[in-house]
Amino acid sequence: MLATAENTDQTPVVPGDNGWPTQGAWTYADYLCLPDDGNRYEIIEGVLYVANAPTPEHQYTVTKLIFYFMQYVNAQRVGIVFTAPIEVHLSETTKPVQPDLVFVTNDKQPKLGASYLDGPPALVVEVVSPTSIRRDRKTKFDAYEEAGVQEYWIVDPRTHSVEVYTWSNGEYALFGQFIGEEMVVSKLLEGLSIQTNLLFYLG
């Protein structure tokens, strides 16, 4: 069986998999050998992770985030927004990760034809799923912090909340936690303002 990580969302299985690395030893070259089976794979500090298919609530929130971020970047012309699935390479042992939403500044935009984003983006958003709580709040939090991602949003459809963390002197500090009709604001993207409850599917 293909090696799986503690706290992965599901166990990927591929035929003829006896030669797969042990957890902690995965490389990008190994990742490129994985089957094209529709799963979303990530490698963080040499550990392979795989995500379940997102829920409708998750995708609703991702869609709303894209809408508001695109409005902002199109008006301000400060960069570009990407959404998963997209590869982000943070380091030799942490690549790829596939955040739900990525913002890169104009000077970091990839060349046409590039297959991944190289280096830490300016801002990353993860929308929490029930099976990804530990990964988003601990594993990816630590990875983005170590890579120097300037701002990290954790968006939780269960609690209808948004947490914004900003990077300074090598670590994250909570910039703001937002719920209800409070306006989510960004330290990095001055002027971006989103009413929190508009990001969530309320039925």
C-alpha atoms as a PDB file:
ATOM      1  CA  MET A   1       0.000   0.000   0.000  1.00  0.00           C
ATOM      2  CA  LEU A   2       1.128   3.545  -0.686  1.00  0.00           C
ATOM      3  CA  ALA A   3       2.525   5.161   2.465  1.00  0.00           C
ATOM      4  CA  THR A   4       0.091   7.408   4.285  1.00  0.00           C
ATOM      5  CA  ALA A   5       0.577  10.169   6.822  1.00  0.00           C
ATOM      6  CA  GLU A   6      -0.927  10.497  10.244  1.00  0.00           C
ATOM      7  CA  ASN A   7      -3.974  12.767   9.975  1.00  0.00           C
ATOM      8  CA  THR A   8      -4.313  12.346   6.210  1.00  0.00           C
ATOM      9  CA  ASP A   9      -7.849  12.518   4.919  1.00  0.00           C
ATOM     10  CA  GLN A  10      -7.868   9.145   3.216  1.00  0.00           C
ATOM     11  CA  THR A  11      -5.555   6.298   2.268  1.00  0.00           C
ATOM     12  CA  PRO A  12      -4.465   6.399  -1.376  1.00  0.00           C
ATOM     13  CA  VAL A  13      -3.997   2.993  -2.960  1.00  0.00           C
ATOM     14  CA  VAL A  14      -2.170   2.340  -6.204  1.00  0.00           C
ATOM     15  CA  PRO A  15      -1.300  -0.931  -7.918  1.00  0.00           C
ATOM     16  CA  GLY A  16       2.299  -2.121  -7.787  1.00  0.00           C
ATOM     17  CA  ASP A  17       3.233   0.338  -5.051  1.00  0.00           C
ATOM     18  CA  ASN A  18       5.971  -1.594  -3.208  1.00  0.00           C
ATOM     19  CA  GLY A  19       8.624   0.958  -4.066  1.00  0.00           C
ATOM     20  CA  TRP A  20       6.967   4.043  -2.530  1.00  0.00           C
ATOM     21  CA  PRO A  21       8.991   5.976   0.091  1.00  0.00           C
ATOM     22  CA  THR A  22       8.345   5.890   3.805  1.00  0.00           C
ATOM     23  CA  GLN A  23       6.702   8.924   5.358  1.00  0.00           C
ATOM     24  CA  GLY A  24       9.202  11.718   5.874  1.00  0.00           C
ATOM     25  CA  ALA A  25      11.211  10.670   2.817  1.00  0.00           C
ATOM     26  CA  TRP A  26       8.886  11.763   0.021  1.00  0.00           C
ATOM     27  CA  THR A  27      10.358  14.024  -2.653  1.00  0.00           C
ATOM     28  CA  TYR A  28       8.928  15.976  -5.554  1.00  0.00           C
ATOM     29  CA  ALA A  29      10.306  13.329  -7.902  1.00  0.00           C
ATOM     30  CA  ASP A  30       8.188  10.760  -6.061  1.00  0.00           C
ATOM     31  CA  TYR A  31       5.176  13.047  -6.314  1.00  0.00           C
ATOM     32  CA  LEU A  32       5.556  13.177 -10.091  1.00  0.00           C
ATOM     33  CA  CYS A  33       5.251   9.375 -10.171  1.00  0.00           C
ATOM     34  CA  LEU A  34       1.895   9.322  -8.376  1.00  0.00           C
ATOM     35  CA  PRO A  35      -1.098   8.178 -10.439  1.00  0.00           C
ATOM     36  CA  ASP A  36      -3.373  10.741 -12.032  1.00  0.00           C
ATOM     37  CA  ASP A  37      -6.346   9.489 -10.030  1.00  0.00           C
ATOM     38  CA  GLY A  38      -8.121  12.759  -9.254  1.00  0.00           C
ATOM     39  CA  ASN A  39      -6.756  13.008  -5.719  1.00  0.00           C
ATOM     40  CA  ARG A  40      -5.103  16.179  -4.425  1.00  0.00           C
ATOM     41  CA  TYR A  41      -1.664  15.251  -3.095  1.00  0.00           C
ATOM     42  CA  GLU A  42       0.738  17.400  -1.084  1.00  0.00           C
ATOM     43  CA  ILE A  43       4.185  16.835   0.415  1.00  0.00           C
ATOM     44  CA  ILE A  44       5.022  18.721   3.618  1.00  0.00           C
ATOM     45  CA  GLU A  45       8.414  18.083   5.249  1.00  0.00           C
ATOM     46  CA  GLY A  46       8.699  14.864   3.285  1.00  0.00           C
ATOM     47  CA  VAL A  47       5.288  13.551   4.372  1.00  0.00           C
ATOM     48  CA  LEU A  48       2.641  12.716   1.783  1.00  0.00           C
ATOM     49  CA  TYR A  49      -0.891  14.018   2.354  1.00  0.00           C
ATOM     50  CA  VAL A  50      -4.041  13.468   0.316  1.00  0.00           C
ATOM     51  CA  ALA A  51      -7.336  15.336   0.590  1.00  0.00           C
ATOM     52  CA  ASN A  52     -10.890  14.167   0.267  1.00  0.00           C
ATOM     53  CA  ALA A  53     -13.127  15.748  -2.322  1.00  0.00           C
ATOM     54  CA  PRO A  54     -14.336  19.127  -0.999  1.00  0.00           C
ATOM     55  CA  THR A  55     -17.871  19.584   0.309  1.00  0.00           C
ATOM     56  CA  PRO A  56     -20.388  21.967  -1.299  1.00  0.00           C
ATOM     57  CA  GLU A  57     -20.015  24.323   1.697  1.00  0.00           C
ATOM     58  CA  HIS A  58     -16.252  24.354   1.226  1.00  0.00           C
ATOM     59  CA  GLN A  59     -16.522  25.124  -2.475  1.00  0.00           C
ATOM     60  CA  TYR A  60     -19.134  27.820  -1.882  1.00  0.00           C
ATOM     61  CA  THR A  61     -16.730  29.611   0.452  1.00  0.00           C
ATOM     62  CA  VAL A  62     -13.804  29.219  -1.959  1.00  0.00           C
ATOM     63  CA  THR A  63     -15.945  30.682  -4.759  1.00  0.00           C
ATOM     64  CA  LYS A  64     -16.934  33.688  -2.653  1.00  0.00           C
ATOM     65  CA  LEU A  65     -13.306  34.295  -1.672  1.00  0.00           C
ATOM     66  CA  ILE A  66     -12.272  34.228  -5.319  1.00  0.00           C
ATOM     67  CA  PHE A  67     -14.999  36.759  -6.133  1.00  0.00           C
ATOM     68  CA  TYR A  68     -13.918  39.279  -3.502  1.00  0.00           C
ATOM     69  CA  PHE A  69     -10.195  38.824  -4.041  1.00  0.00           C
ATOM     70  CA  MET A  70     -10.567  39.189  -7.817  1.00  0.00           C
ATOM     71  CA  GLN A  71     -12.578  42.376  -7.362  1.00  0.00           C
ATOM     72  CA  TYR A  72      -9.785  43.770  -5.218  1.00  0.00           C
ATOM     73  CA  VAL A  73      -6.785  42.785  -7.350  1.00  0.00           C
ATOM     74  CA  ASN A  74      -8.475  43.872 -10.566  1.00  0.00           C
ATOM     75  CA  ALA A  75      -9.169  47.302  -9.101  1.00  0.00           C
ATOM     76  CA  GLN A  76      -5.802  47.727  -7.384  1.00  0.00           C
ATOM     77  CA  ARG A  77      -3.613  45.949  -9.968  1.00  0.00           C
ATOM     78  CA  VAL A  78      -1.339  44.686  -7.196  1.00  0.00           C
ATOM     79  CA  GLY A  79      -0.998  41.043  -8.201  1.00  0.00           C
ATOM     80  CA  ILE A  80      -2.897  37.939  -9.208  1.00  0.00           C
ATOM     81  CA  VAL A  81      -5.025  35.281  -7.499  1.00  0.00           C
ATOM     82  CA  PHE A  82      -4.880  31.519  -8.068  1.00  0.00           C
ATOM     83  CA  THR A  83      -7.001  28.692  -6.671  1.00  0.00           C
ATOM     84  CA  ALA A  84      -6.479  24.973  -6.152  1.00  0.00           C
ATOM     85  CA  PRO A  85      -5.492  22.745  -7.696  1.00  0.00           C
ATOM     86  CA  ILE A  86      -2.211  24.602  -8.151  1.00  0.00           C
ATOM     87  CA  GLU A  87       1.253  23.592  -7.041  1.00  0.00           C
ATOM     88  CA  VAL A  88       3.190  25.860  -4.688  1.00  0.00           C
ATOM     89  CA  HIS A  89       6.809  24.945  -3.928  1.00  0.00           C
ATOM     90  CA  LEU A  90       7.886  26.266  -0.540  1.00  0.00           C
ATOM     91  CA  SER A  91      11.154  24.366  -0.034  1.00  0.00           C
ATOM     92  CA  GLU A  92      12.988  21.227  -1.122  1.00  0.00           C
ATOM     93  CA  THR A  93      11.091  19.122   1.415  1.00  0.00           C
ATOM     94  CA  THR A  94       7.753  20.937   1.163  1.00  0.00           C
ATOM     95  CA  LYS A  95       6.570  20.795  -2.404  1.00  0.00           C
ATOM     96  CA  PRO A  96       3.971  20.838  -3.610  1.00  0.00           C
ATOM     97  CA  VAL A  97       1.350  22.299  -1.337  1.00  0.00           C
ATOM     98  CA  GLN A  98      -1.994  23.214  -2.854  1.00  0.00           C
ATOM     99  CA  PRO A  99      -3.709  26.027  -0.918  1.00  0.00           C
ATOM    100  CA  ASP A 100      -7.342  26.850  -1.596  1.00  0.00           C
ATOM    101  CA  LEU A 101      -6.411  30.387  -2.629  1.00  0.00           C
ATOM    102  CA  VAL A 102      -3.057  32.043  -3.335  1.00  0.00           C
ATOM    103  CA  PHE A 103      -2.189  35.695  -3.910  1.00  0.00           C
ATOM    104  CA  VAL A 104       1.123  36.617  -5.522  1.00  0.00           C
ATOM    105  CA  THR A 105       2.446  40.115  -6.085  1.00  0.00           C
ATOM    106  CA  ASN A 106       3.218  41.440  -9.546  1.00  0.00           C
ATOM    107  CA  ASP A 107       6.947  40.776  -9.253  1.00  0.00           C
ATOM    108  CA  LYS A 108       6.350  37.103  -8.315  1.00  0.00           C
ATOM    109  CA  GLN A 109       3.961  36.172 -11.099  1.00  0.00           C
ATOM    110  CA  PRO A 110       4.949  32.927 -12.844  1.00  0.00           C
ATOM    111  CA  LYS A 111       5.999  32.895 -16.470  1.00  0.00           C
ATOM    112  CA  LEU A 112       3.496  31.633 -19.004  1.00  0.00           C
ATOM    113  CA  GLY A 113       3.710  27.872 -19.251  1.00  0.00           C
ATOM    114  CA  ALA A 114       5.053  27.413 -15.722  1.00  0.00           C
ATOM    115  CA  SER A 115       3.723  24.292 -14.006  1.00  0.00           C
ATOM    116  CA  TYR A 116       3.999  25.604 -10.432  1.00  0.00           C
ATOM    117  CA  LEU A 117       4.544  28.671  -8.262  1.00  0.00           C
ATOM    118  CA  ASP A 118       8.123  28.732  -7.014  1.00  0.00           C
ATOM    119  CA  GLY A 119       8.728  30.161  -3.559  1.00  0.00           C
ATOM    120  CA  PRO A 120       6.377  31.468  -0.893  1.00  0.00           C
ATOM    121  CA  PRO A 121       3.428  33.544  -2.127  1.00  0.00           C
ATOM    122  CA  ALA A 122       2.476  36.765  -0.366  1.00  0.00           C
ATOM    123  CA  LEU A 123      -0.842  35.438   0.956  1.00  0.00           C
ATOM    124  CA  VAL A 124      -2.432  32.022   1.349  1.00  0.00           C
ATOM    125  CA  VAL A 125      -5.985  31.058   2.300  1.00  0.00           C
ATOM    126  CA  GLU A 126      -7.060  27.639   3.532  1.00  0.00           C
ATOM    127  CA  VAL A 127     -10.756  26.792   3.927  1.00  0.00           C
ATOM    128  CA  VAL A 128     -11.010  24.262   6.761  1.00  0.00           C
ATOM    129  CA  SER A 129     -12.791  20.957   6.205  1.00  0.00           C
ATOM    130  CA  PRO A 130     -13.691  18.536   9.022  1.00  0.00           C
ATOM    131  CA  THR A 131     -10.873  16.225   7.905  1.00  0.00           C
ATOM    132  CA  SER A 132      -8.263  18.970   7.415  1.00  0.00           C
ATOM    133  CA  ILE A 133      -8.449  20.812  10.745  1.00  0.00           C
ATOM    134  CA  ARG A 134      -5.117  19.620  12.145  1.00  0.00           C
ATOM    135  CA  ARG A 135      -3.351  19.993   8.815  1.00  0.00           C
ATOM    136  CA  ASP A 136      -4.565  23.547   8.195  1.00  0.00           C
ATOM    137  CA  ARG A 137      -4.124  24.735  11.776  1.00  0.00           C
ATOM    138  CA  LYS A 138      -0.830  23.009  12.577  1.00  0.00           C
ATOM    139  CA  THR A 139       1.003  21.318   9.690  1.00  0.00           C
ATOM    140  CA  LYS A 140       0.359  23.945   7.035  1.00  0.00           C
ATOM    141  CA  PHE A 141       0.443  26.778   9.566  1.00  0.00           C
ATOM    142  CA  ASP A 142       3.997  25.758  10.479  1.00  0.00           C
ATOM    143  CA  ALA A 143       5.003  25.255   6.835  1.00  0.00           C
ATOM    144  CA  TYR A 144       3.729  28.660   5.712  1.00  0.00           C
ATOM    145  CA  GLU A 145       5.280  30.319   8.762  1.00  0.00           C
ATOM    146  CA  GLU A 146       8.669  28.718   8.148  1.00  0.00           C
ATOM    147  CA  ALA A 147       8.559  29.673   4.450  1.00  0.00           C
ATOM    148  CA  GLY A 148       7.758  33.304   5.275  1.00  0.00           C
ATOM    149  CA  VAL A 149       4.297  33.565   3.706  1.00  0.00           C
ATOM    150  CA  GLN A 150       3.382  37.112   4.735  1.00  0.00           C
ATOM    151  CA  GLU A 151      -0.278  36.495   5.509  1.00  0.00           C
ATOM    152  CA  TYR A 152      -2.258  33.330   6.214  1.00  0.00           C
ATOM    153  CA  TRP A 153      -6.050  33.171   6.383  1.00  0.00           C
ATOM    154  CA  ILE A 154      -7.840  30.245   8.029  1.00  0.00           C
ATOM    155  CA  VAL A 155     -11.488  30.259   6.973  1.00  0.00           C
ATOM    156  CA  ASP A 156     -13.822  27.890   8.828  1.00  0.00           C
ATOM    157  CA  PRO A 157     -17.291  27.177   7.367  1.00  0.00           C
ATOM    158  CA  ARG A 158     -18.294  25.289  10.534  1.00  0.00           C
ATOM    159  CA  THR A 159     -17.831  28.267  12.856  1.00  0.00           C
ATOM    160  CA  HIS A 160     -18.443  30.904  10.148  1.00  0.00           C
ATOM    161  CA  SER A 161     -15.197  32.578  11.168  1.00  0.00           C
ATOM    162  CA  VAL A 162     -12.028  33.910   9.571  1.00  0.00           C
ATOM    163  CA  GLU A 163      -8.627  34.189  11.259  1.00  0.00           C
ATOM    164  CA  VAL A 164      -5.923  36.346   9.690  1.00  0.00           C
ATOM    165  CA  TYR A 165      -2.302  35.782  10.695  1.00  0.00           C
ATOM    166  CA  THR A 166       0.575  38.026   9.672  1.00  0.00           C
ATOM    167  CA  TRP A 167       4.264  37.146   9.537  1.00  0.00           C
ATOM    168  CA  SER A 168       6.900  39.143  11.393  1.00  0.00           C
ATOM    169  CA  ASN A 169      10.347  38.226  12.696  1.00  0.00           C
ATOM    170  CA  GLY A 170       9.978  34.608  11.670  1.00  0.00           C
ATOM    171  CA  GLU A 171       6.582  33.827  13.180  1.00  0.00           C
ATOM    172  CA  TYR A 172       2.857  34.427  12.830  1.00  0.00           C
ATOM    173  CA  ALA A 173       0.793  36.677  15.038  1.00  0.00           C
ATOM    174  CA  LEU A 174      -3.001  36.844  14.997  1.00  0.00           C
ATOM    175  CA  PHE A 175      -3.962  40.037  13.192  1.00  0.00           C
ATOM    176  CA  GLY A 176      -7.696  39.551  13.592  1.00  0.00           C
ATOM    177  CA  GLN A 177     -10.510  37.058  14.113  1.00  0.00           C
ATOM    178  CA  PHE A 178     -13.804  37.860  12.424  1.00  0.00           C
ATOM    179  CA  ILE A 179     -17.373  36.551  12.673  1.00  0.00           C
ATOM    180  CA  GLY A 180     -20.922  37.598  11.746  1.00  0.00           C
ATOM    181  CA  GLU A 181     -21.202  41.016  10.146  1.00  0.00           C
ATOM    182  CA  GLU A 182     -17.643  41.996  11.076  1.00  0.00           C
ATOM    183  CA  MET A 183     -15.481  43.021   8.151  1.00  0.00           C
ATOM    184  CA  VAL A 184     -12.499  40.815   7.408  1.00  0.00           C
ATOM    185  CA  VAL A 185      -9.505  43.058   6.708  1.00  0.00           C
ATOM    186  CA  SER A 186      -5.974  42.360   5.589  1.00  0.00           C
ATOM    187  CA  LYS A 187      -2.758  43.938   6.791  1.00  0.00           C
ATOM    188  CA  LEU A 188      -1.054  43.084   3.510  1.00  0.00           C
ATOM    189  CA  LEU A 189      -3.834  44.106   1.106  1.00  0.00           C
ATOM    190  CA  GLU A 190      -4.785  47.558   2.284  1.00  0.00           C
ATOM    191  CA  GLY A 191      -8.404  48.366   1.556  1.00  0.00           C
ATOM    192  CA  LEU A 192      -9.579  44.769   1.157  1.00  0.00           C
ATOM    193  CA  SER A 193     -12.715  44.369   3.272  1.00  0.00           C
ATOM    194  CA  ILE A 194     -15.175  41.453   3.226  1.00  0.00           C
ATOM    195  CA  GLN A 195     -18.245  40.993   5.408  1.00  0.00           C
ATOM    196  CA  THR A 196     -17.539  37.687   7.139  1.00  0.00           C
ATOM    197  CA  ASN A 197     -20.937  35.991   6.940  1.00  0.00           C
ATOM    198  CA  LEU A 198     -21.125  36.599   3.183  1.00  0.00           C
ATOM    199  CA  LEU A 199     -18.399  33.999   2.730  1.00  0.00           C
ATOM    200  CA  PHE A 200     -20.491  31.129   4.081  1.00  0.00           C
ATOM    201  CA  TYR A 201     -23.369  29.033   2.822  1.00  0.00           C
ATOM    202  CA  LEU A 202     -26.163  29.521   5.326  1.00  0.00           C
ATOM    203  CA  GLY A 203     -28.830  27.397   3.600  1.00  0.00           C
END
